[in-house]
Amino acid sequence: MKTFYFAKRKLQLVPVAIILVALAISTSISAQTITTFDAPGAGAGPLQGTYATNINPPGTIIGFSRDAGNVRHGFIRSNHGNFTIFDAPGAGTGPGQGTRAYCINPGGTITGFFNDAANVFHGYVRSSQGVITVFDAPGAGTAAGQGTFPFSPLIMNPHGAITGWATDSAFVSHGFLRDRNGGFTSFDVPGGGTAAGQGTFPFAISDDGEITGFYIDASNANHGFLRDKRGAITSYDVPGAGTGVNEGTFGGGITPNGTIMGNYIDADDLSHGFLRDKRGAFTTFDAPDAGNVPGSFQGTYPFGINTSGAITGWYTDEANVNHGFVRDKHGELVEFDVPGAGTGPGQGPNVYSIAPNGSVTGFFLDPDNVVHGFVRQAHGHASGLPQFPGQ
């Protein structure tokens, strides 16, 4: 494990709010501590290693590793740096198989999915005491590549509800909500396509039971959606989102006040971040050094949002190298790099999750394309993010 201390000064252009058409410039200094880590048993070959995916308020980090045989195993890293490795019952032990952990709630309950020896996918929930319950959503297919996918950070609210999607026997995906007692509700967003690879893909669930995500229509364009706690669904598109194949709006995380975060791909195949408030007004933003080569899918990829509205993610520059960023609730954006990250195409950090106090976690590819986990802690108020205690 390595810990690095450094400060970074950034001249920041605050994002354009499409509705208000506002522009501002600010300057900030951000002090930070970055600790890199590797899970026990993680492999040291290309794309093997440690994939950190989520952090909860007490500072526990979860994710999965890929070992020397390319088998995946879930891990838990305490805020003191101690590891617990686990495998879901029935997880396959062949290359590409195994257990992924994607979400941990404040109480330490974890959810994710695994593929078995036949490459069918199943969901699981692991209690804070280590008890693992396997589940399959109604209608999930039973052939290779099909099944149940609780996938992204923020998919489980503190009350134990889990959301995700089930891919059926025709490879069409449908949303599901699993309550704390194991009961399921299935749903589809109107307008979702019914061909292979299309359908409904929930991403996050709020404390109140609102679900966000995206759906893929019959032309393979993407659109955001919000499903309220009564089951009413509203779809939306960010102004400027493209309408071609793989373009459009990808709804992501949601805050307690109803703000939705995500990204959209424009008609030039470039990615941009967005916020949608509870009234439906949009704010878009870009990391200042994000690439903008048409057709490249470069740009800004927000992935995690905390309860106060701070956002983290990564951007891809014009050389197709990834870099991390944190955007505070006021719109101030700080870019960062992880020491040891590679500087070639596809290398650098992928930042997945941000805790309530601003600590972020994710993983990075080094110059040899080996994957390592990291946690970035911000100190003081230089970046508007408090120091993470007890790390």
Protein backbone atom coordinates (compact mmCIF):
# COMPACT_ATOMS: atom_id res chain seq x y z
CA MET A 1 0.00 0.00 0.00
CA LYS A 2 1.35 3.43 -0.91
CA THR A 3 0.20 6.83 0.32
CA PHE A 4 0.95 10.06 -1.55
CA TYR A 5 0.45 13.64 -0.39
CA PHE A 6 0.35 16.57 -2.78
CA ALA A 7 -1.56 19.71 -3.71
CA LYS A 8 -2.89 20.79 -7.09
CA ARG A 9 -3.89 24.22 -8.35
CA LYS A 10 -6.58 24.33 -11.00
CA LEU A 11 -8.00 27.20 -13.07
CA GLN A 12 -11.60 26.08 -13.45
CA LEU A 13 -14.23 27.06 -15.99
CA VAL A 14 -17.59 26.42 -14.29
CA PRO A 15 -19.99 24.42 -16.52
CA VAL A 16 -22.71 26.00 -18.61
CA ALA A 17 -26.25 25.62 -17.24
CA ILE A 18 -28.36 25.12 -20.32
CA ILE A 19 -31.52 26.51 -18.75
CA LEU A 20 -29.94 29.57 -17.12
CA VAL A 21 -27.11 30.06 -19.65
CA ALA A 22 -24.70 31.12 -16.91
CA LEU A 23 -20.89 31.18 -17.10
CA ALA A 24 -18.39 31.67 -14.28
CA ILE A 25 -14.67 31.24 -13.63
CA SER A 26 -13.10 30.25 -10.30
CA THR A 27 -9.71 29.25 -8.96
CA SER A 28 -9.06 26.73 -6.19
CA ILE A 29 -6.28 24.91 -4.43
CA SER A 30 -7.00 21.31 -3.41
CA ALA A 31 -4.89 19.36 -0.93
CA GLN A 32 -5.34 15.64 -1.13
CA THR A 33 -4.06 12.28 0.07
CA ILE A 34 -4.17 9.32 -2.28
CA THR A 35 -3.63 5.78 -1.01
CA THR A 36 -3.28 2.92 -3.47
CA PHE A 37 -3.96 -0.70 -2.55
CA ASP A 38 -4.14 -4.24 -3.86
CA ALA A 39 -6.48 -6.95 -2.60
CA PRO A 40 -4.82 -10.17 -1.40
CA GLY A 41 -4.69 -12.71 -4.21
CA ALA A 42 -5.12 -10.15 -7.00
CA GLY A 43 -3.34 -11.07 -10.21
CA ALA A 44 -0.49 -9.07 -11.75
CA GLY A 45 -1.21 -9.55 -15.44
CA PRO A 46 -3.00 -7.21 -17.88
CA LEU A 47 -6.51 -6.32 -16.60
CA GLN A 48 -5.92 -8.45 -13.52
CA GLY A 49 -5.77 -6.78 -10.12
CA THR A 50 -8.05 -4.78 -7.83
CA TYR A 51 -11.27 -3.02 -8.92
CA ALA A 52 -12.57 -0.74 -6.14
CA THR A 53 -16.19 0.26 -6.82
CA ASN A 54 -17.89 1.81 -3.78
CA ILE A 55 -17.29 3.50 -0.42
CA ASN A 56 -19.79 3.96 2.43
CA PRO A 57 -19.92 6.72 5.10
CA PRO A 58 -17.72 4.85 7.65
CA GLY A 59 -15.02 4.52 4.96
CA THR A 60 -15.40 0.84 4.07
CA ILE A 61 -14.46 0.19 0.44
CA ILE A 62 -15.68 -2.75 -1.62
CA GLY A 63 -15.04 -4.13 -5.06
CA PHE A 64 -13.61 -7.23 -6.63
CA SER A 65 -10.28 -8.63 -7.73
CA ARG A 66 -9.23 -10.65 -10.74
CA ASP A 67 -6.70 -13.32 -9.85
CA ALA A 68 -3.96 -14.90 -11.98
CA GLY A 69 -6.59 -17.21 -13.51
CA ASN A 70 -8.89 -14.25 -14.33
CA VAL A 71 -11.45 -15.37 -11.75
CA ARG A 72 -13.22 -12.61 -9.80
CA HIS A 73 -13.57 -12.44 -6.01
CA GLY A 74 -15.39 -9.86 -3.89
CA PHE A 75 -13.44 -7.84 -1.34
CA ILE A 76 -14.11 -5.56 1.61
CA ARG A 77 -11.43 -3.09 2.74
CA SER A 78 -11.97 -1.57 6.18
CA ASN A 79 -11.14 2.07 6.90
CA HIS A 80 -7.97 0.76 8.57
CA GLY A 81 -6.88 -1.07 5.42
CA ASN A 82 -7.79 -4.63 6.44
CA PHE A 83 -9.22 -6.92 3.76
CA THR A 84 -11.95 -9.57 3.72
CA ILE A 85 -12.25 -11.70 0.57
CA PHE A 86 -15.51 -13.46 -0.25
CA ASP A 87 -17.20 -15.51 -2.98
CA ALA A 88 -20.93 -15.91 -3.51
CA PRO A 89 -22.19 -19.51 -3.22
CA GLY A 90 -22.39 -21.00 -6.72
CA ALA A 91 -19.93 -18.55 -8.28
CA GLY A 92 -17.96 -20.04 -11.15
CA THR A 93 -14.23 -20.64 -10.88
CA GLY A 94 -13.28 -20.44 -14.55
CA PRO A 95 -11.72 -17.50 -16.42
CA GLY A 96 -14.12 -14.54 -16.55
CA GLN A 97 -16.36 -16.00 -13.86
CA GLY A 98 -16.77 -15.20 -10.18
CA THR A 99 -18.13 -12.58 -7.79
CA ARG A 100 -18.44 -8.81 -8.27
CA ALA A 101 -19.32 -6.39 -5.46
CA TYR A 102 -20.79 -3.05 -6.54
CA CYS A 103 -22.68 -1.46 -3.66
CA ILE A 104 -22.37 -1.12 0.12
CA ASN A 105 -24.93 0.74 2.21
CA PRO A 106 -24.18 2.69 5.43
CA GLY A 107 -24.80 -0.41 7.55
CA GLY A 108 -22.34 -2.58 5.64
CA THR A 109 -24.76 -4.65 3.56
CA ILE A 110 -23.30 -5.41 0.12
CA THR A 111 -24.90 -6.35 -3.17
CA GLY A 112 -23.64 -7.29 -6.60
CA PHE A 113 -23.78 -10.23 -8.96
CA PHE A 114 -21.85 -13.33 -9.99
CA ASN A 115 -21.77 -15.67 -12.94
CA ASP A 116 -21.82 -19.40 -12.41
CA ALA A 117 -20.00 -22.22 -14.19
CA ALA A 118 -22.49 -21.94 -17.09
CA ASN A 119 -21.96 -18.14 -17.26
CA VAL A 120 -25.51 -17.40 -16.08
CA PHE A 121 -25.69 -14.31 -13.83
CA HIS A 122 -27.31 -14.11 -10.39
CA GLY A 123 -27.72 -11.36 -7.81
CA TYR A 124 -26.71 -11.62 -4.19
CA VAL A 125 -26.89 -9.61 -0.99
CA ARG A 126 -24.29 -10.04 1.77
CA SER A 127 -25.23 -8.95 5.29
CA SER A 128 -22.84 -7.07 7.55
CA GLN A 129 -22.40 -10.39 9.41
CA GLY A 130 -21.23 -12.10 6.21
CA VAL A 131 -24.39 -14.08 5.39
CA ILE A 132 -24.91 -14.24 1.60
CA THR A 133 -28.35 -14.63 0.02
CA VAL A 134 -28.52 -15.41 -3.71
CA PHE A 135 -31.51 -14.22 -5.75
CA ASP A 136 -32.85 -14.22 -9.30
CA ALA A 137 -35.33 -11.66 -10.60
CA PRO A 138 -38.56 -13.01 -12.13
CA GLY A 139 -38.20 -13.52 -15.87
CA ALA A 140 -34.39 -13.62 -15.83
CA GLY A 141 -32.96 -15.87 -18.54
CA THR A 142 -31.02 -19.01 -17.73
CA ALA A 143 -28.58 -19.19 -20.66
CA ALA A 144 -25.02 -17.85 -20.82
CA GLY A 145 -24.93 -14.05 -20.61
CA GLN A 146 -28.47 -13.84 -19.24
CA GLY A 147 -29.70 -13.44 -15.67
CA THR A 148 -29.92 -10.89 -12.85
CA PHE A 149 -27.72 -7.77 -12.61
CA PRO A 150 -27.67 -5.58 -9.52
CA PHE A 151 -24.87 -3.50 -11.00
CA SER A 152 -23.99 0.08 -10.21
CA PRO A 153 -23.09 2.09 -7.11
CA LEU A 154 -26.11 3.46 -5.24
CA ILE A 155 -28.29 0.53 -6.29
CA MET A 156 -29.28 -0.27 -2.71
CA ASN A 157 -30.91 2.20 -0.32
CA PRO A 158 -30.37 2.16 3.46
CA HIS A 159 -33.69 0.35 3.97
CA GLY A 160 -32.46 -2.69 2.07
CA ALA A 161 -34.21 -2.17 -1.27
CA ILE A 162 -32.16 -3.18 -4.32
CA THR A 163 -32.63 -2.27 -7.95
CA GLY A 164 -31.08 -3.53 -11.16
CA TRP A 165 -32.13 -5.35 -14.30
CA ALA A 166 -32.86 -8.86 -15.48
CA THR A 167 -31.90 -9.99 -18.98
CA ASP A 168 -34.42 -12.45 -20.36
CA SER A 169 -34.14 -15.39 -22.76
CA ALA A 170 -34.23 -12.98 -25.73
CA PHE A 171 -31.48 -10.79 -24.18
CA VAL A 172 -33.93 -7.96 -23.52
CA SER A 173 -33.46 -6.23 -20.15
CA HIS A 174 -36.18 -5.30 -17.65
CA GLY A 175 -35.97 -3.31 -14.43
CA PHE A 176 -36.57 -4.81 -11.03
CA LEU A 177 -37.04 -3.63 -7.47
CA ARG A 178 -36.32 -6.12 -4.68
CA ASP A 179 -37.60 -5.13 -1.24
CA ARG A 180 -35.89 -5.98 2.03
CA ASN A 181 -38.09 -9.06 2.42
CA GLY A 182 -37.14 -10.48 -0.96
CA GLY A 183 -40.30 -9.47 -2.84
CA PHE A 184 -39.88 -8.35 -6.47
CA THR A 185 -41.53 -5.71 -8.65
CA SER A 186 -40.64 -5.78 -12.34
CA PHE A 187 -41.03 -2.78 -14.64
CA ASP A 188 -40.27 -1.50 -18.13
CA VAL A 189 -39.95 2.10 -19.26
CA PRO A 190 -42.45 2.95 -22.04
CA GLY A 191 -40.48 3.31 -25.25
CA GLY A 192 -37.85 0.75 -24.32
CA GLY A 193 -36.82 -1.50 -27.18
CA THR A 194 -37.69 -5.17 -27.31
CA ALA A 195 -34.76 -6.53 -29.33
CA ALA A 196 -31.59 -8.09 -27.97
CA GLY A 197 -29.48 -5.58 -26.04
CA GLN A 198 -32.37 -3.15 -25.59
CA GLY A 199 -34.72 -2.46 -22.69
CA THR A 200 -34.63 -0.89 -19.22
CA PHE A 201 -31.48 -0.41 -17.09
CA PRO A 202 -31.99 0.97 -13.56
CA PHE A 203 -28.90 2.55 -12.00
CA ALA A 204 -29.73 4.00 -8.57
CA ILE A 205 -32.39 4.09 -5.86
CA SER A 206 -32.93 6.89 -3.34
CA ASP A 207 -33.83 6.62 0.35
CA ASP A 208 -37.44 7.32 -0.66
CA GLY A 209 -37.53 4.57 -3.28
CA GLU A 210 -37.13 6.70 -6.42
CA ILE A 211 -35.26 4.82 -9.13
CA THR A 212 -33.14 6.35 -11.88
CA GLY A 213 -31.43 4.87 -14.89
CA PHE A 214 -31.73 4.73 -18.66
CA TYR A 215 -33.41 2.75 -21.38
CA ILE A 216 -32.40 1.80 -24.89
CA ASP A 217 -35.04 2.29 -27.56
CA ALA A 218 -35.72 0.37 -30.79
CA SER A 219 -33.10 2.45 -32.65
CA ASN A 220 -30.46 1.80 -29.96
CA ALA A 221 -30.47 5.38 -28.69
CA ASN A 222 -30.44 6.00 -24.92
CA HIS A 223 -32.82 8.02 -22.73
CA GLY A 224 -32.94 8.77 -19.01
CA PHE A 225 -35.82 7.89 -16.71
CA LEU A 226 -37.10 8.50 -13.18
CA ARG A 227 -39.49 6.06 -11.52
CA ASP A 228 -41.14 7.52 -8.41
CA LYS A 229 -41.98 5.50 -5.31
CA ARG A 230 -45.55 4.97 -6.58
CA GLY A 231 -44.28 3.46 -9.82
CA ALA A 232 -44.97 6.42 -12.16
CA ILE A 233 -42.19 6.75 -14.77
CA THR A 234 -40.93 9.96 -16.40
CA SER A 235 -38.46 9.77 -19.28
CA TYR A 236 -36.19 12.65 -20.26
CA ASP A 237 -33.40 13.68 -22.63
CA VAL A 238 -30.67 16.19 -21.89
CA PRO A 239 -30.69 19.08 -24.41
CA GLY A 240 -27.82 18.40 -26.79
CA ALA A 241 -27.92 14.63 -26.41
CA GLY A 242 -27.48 12.71 -29.65
CA THR A 243 -30.13 10.47 -31.12
CA GLY A 244 -27.94 7.94 -32.95
CA VAL A 245 -26.79 4.47 -32.00
CA ASN A 246 -25.07 4.50 -28.56
CA GLU A 247 -25.83 8.21 -28.18
CA GLY A 248 -28.28 9.88 -25.81
CA THR A 249 -28.87 10.25 -22.07
CA PHE A 250 -27.66 7.93 -19.29
CA GLY A 251 -29.39 8.63 -15.98
CA GLY A 252 -27.24 7.91 -12.95
CA GLY A 253 -27.21 8.64 -9.22
CA ILE A 254 -29.84 10.57 -7.25
CA THR A 255 -29.56 12.76 -4.12
CA PRO A 256 -32.10 13.07 -1.27
CA ASN A 257 -33.45 16.31 -2.78
CA GLY A 258 -34.22 14.58 -6.08
CA THR A 259 -31.26 15.79 -8.14
CA ILE A 260 -30.20 13.24 -10.77
CA MET A 261 -26.63 12.96 -12.06
CA GLY A 262 -25.47 11.25 -15.23
CA ASN A 263 -23.82 11.71 -18.59
CA TYR A 264 -24.96 12.14 -22.15
CA ILE A 265 -23.36 11.38 -25.51
CA ASP A 266 -23.82 14.06 -28.15
CA ALA A 267 -24.08 13.75 -31.95
CA ASP A 268 -20.25 13.86 -32.19
CA ASP A 269 -19.97 10.88 -29.83
CA LEU A 270 -18.52 13.00 -27.01
CA SER A 271 -19.56 12.56 -23.37
CA HIS A 272 -20.66 15.35 -21.02
CA GLY A 273 -21.88 15.41 -17.42
CA PHE A 274 -25.32 16.63 -16.38
CA LEU A 275 -27.49 17.36 -13.36
CA ARG A 276 -31.29 17.35 -13.49
CA ASP A 277 -33.08 18.98 -10.57
CA LYS A 278 -36.44 17.83 -9.25
CA ARG A 279 -38.20 20.44 -11.42
CA GLY A 280 -36.60 18.99 -14.55
CA ALA A 281 -34.07 21.80 -15.16
CA PHE A 282 -30.68 20.71 -16.51
CA THR A 283 -27.11 21.82 -15.80
CA THR A 284 -24.34 20.36 -17.96
CA PHE A 285 -20.63 20.32 -17.23
CA ASP A 286 -17.29 19.20 -18.63
CA ALA A 287 -13.87 18.68 -17.09
CA PRO A 288 -11.65 21.46 -18.52
CA ASP A 289 -9.11 19.04 -20.01
CA ALA A 290 -11.58 16.51 -21.43
CA GLY A 291 -10.92 15.47 -25.01
CA ASN A 292 -13.22 16.59 -27.81
CA VAL A 293 -12.19 14.63 -30.89
CA PRO A 294 -15.42 13.79 -32.79
CA GLY A 295 -16.26 10.10 -32.90
CA SER A 296 -13.85 9.24 -30.10
CA PHE A 297 -16.23 8.90 -27.10
CA GLN A 298 -13.81 11.13 -25.22
CA GLY A 299 -15.15 13.58 -22.65
CA THR A 300 -16.50 13.64 -19.11
CA TYR A 301 -17.93 10.59 -17.31
CA PRO A 302 -19.45 11.33 -13.88
CA PHE A 303 -20.22 8.16 -11.97
CA GLY A 304 -20.77 8.86 -8.27
CA ILE A 305 -22.74 11.51 -6.37
CA ASN A 306 -23.03 11.90 -2.60
CA THR A 307 -25.88 13.14 -0.44
CA SER A 308 -24.73 16.78 -0.59
CA GLY A 309 -24.46 16.80 -4.38
CA ALA A 310 -20.67 16.45 -4.80
CA ILE A 311 -19.80 14.40 -7.87
CA THR A 312 -16.86 12.26 -8.88
CA GLY A 313 -15.90 10.43 -12.04
CA TRP A 314 -13.26 10.56 -14.73
CA TYR A 315 -12.58 12.23 -18.05
CA THR A 316 -10.77 11.01 -21.14
CA ASP A 317 -8.34 13.44 -22.74
CA GLU A 318 -7.40 13.86 -26.41
CA ALA A 319 -4.77 11.11 -26.06
CA ASN A 320 -7.47 8.76 -24.70
CA VAL A 321 -5.89 8.72 -21.22
CA ASN A 322 -8.21 8.79 -18.18
CA HIS A 323 -7.99 11.25 -15.26
CA GLY A 324 -10.13 11.69 -12.15
CA PHE A 325 -12.21 14.66 -11.08
CA VAL A 326 -14.28 15.88 -8.14
CA ARG A 327 -16.97 18.52 -8.61
CA ASP A 328 -18.35 20.07 -5.42
CA LYS A 329 -21.98 21.07 -4.87
CA HIS A 330 -21.19 24.64 -5.95
CA GLY A 331 -19.88 23.52 -9.34
CA GLU A 332 -16.17 23.87 -8.64
CA LEU A 333 -14.32 21.07 -10.41
CA VAL A 334 -10.84 19.76 -9.52
CA GLU A 335 -8.98 17.28 -11.71
CA PHE A 336 -6.53 14.75 -10.30
CA ASP A 337 -4.25 11.87 -11.26
CA VAL A 338 -3.30 8.84 -9.21
CA PRO A 339 0.45 8.27 -8.73
CA GLY A 340 1.52 5.15 -10.58
CA ALA A 341 -1.25 5.36 -13.18
CA GLY A 342 -0.28 4.71 -16.78
CA THR A 343 -0.27 7.46 -19.38
CA GLY A 344 -1.15 5.39 -22.44
CA PRO A 345 -4.54 5.04 -24.17
CA GLY A 346 -7.11 3.45 -21.86
CA GLN A 347 -4.88 3.80 -18.82
CA GLY A 348 -5.33 6.08 -15.79
CA PRO A 349 -8.04 6.18 -13.11
CA ASN A 350 -11.72 5.24 -13.24
CA VAL A 351 -13.43 6.90 -10.26
CA TYR A 352 -16.67 5.25 -9.14
CA SER A 353 -17.88 6.47 -5.76
CA ILE A 354 -17.83 9.47 -3.38
CA ALA A 355 -18.59 9.30 0.35
CA PRO A 356 -20.62 12.00 2.16
CA ASN A 357 -17.39 13.67 3.36
CA GLY A 358 -15.84 13.76 -0.11
CA SER A 359 -13.51 10.75 -0.04
CA VAL A 360 -13.55 9.00 -3.41
CA THR A 361 -12.56 5.54 -4.54
CA GLY A 362 -11.99 3.72 -7.79
CA PHE A 363 -9.23 1.92 -9.66
CA PHE A 364 -6.49 2.69 -12.15
CA LEU A 365 -4.52 0.93 -14.85
CA ASP A 366 -0.75 1.18 -14.53
CA PRO A 367 1.73 1.27 -17.47
CA ASP A 368 1.48 -2.52 -17.73
CA ASN A 369 -2.33 -2.44 -17.67
CA VAL A 370 -2.45 -4.04 -14.22
CA VAL A 371 -5.36 -2.71 -12.13
CA HIS A 372 -5.00 -1.25 -8.61
CA GLY A 373 -7.48 0.30 -6.18
CA PHE A 374 -7.16 3.74 -4.63
CA VAL A 375 -8.86 6.10 -2.20
CA ARG A 376 -8.49 9.89 -2.40
CA GLN A 377 -9.11 11.91 0.76
CA ALA A 378 -9.46 15.69 0.65
CA HIS A 379 -8.10 17.73 3.55
CA GLY A 380 -9.56 20.84 5.16
CA HIS A 381 -11.81 23.12 3.15
CA ALA A 382 -9.48 23.98 0.26
CA SER A 383 -11.70 22.06 -2.15
CA GLY A 384 -14.91 22.34 -0.14
CA LEU A 385 -14.54 18.72 1.00
CA PRO A 386 -13.71 17.78 4.62
CA GLN A 387 -10.98 15.35 5.65
CA PHE A 388 -12.04 11.74 5.98
CA PRO A 389 -11.56 10.59 9.60
CA GLY A 390 -10.08 7.32 10.75
CA GLN A 391 -8.43 6.28 7.47
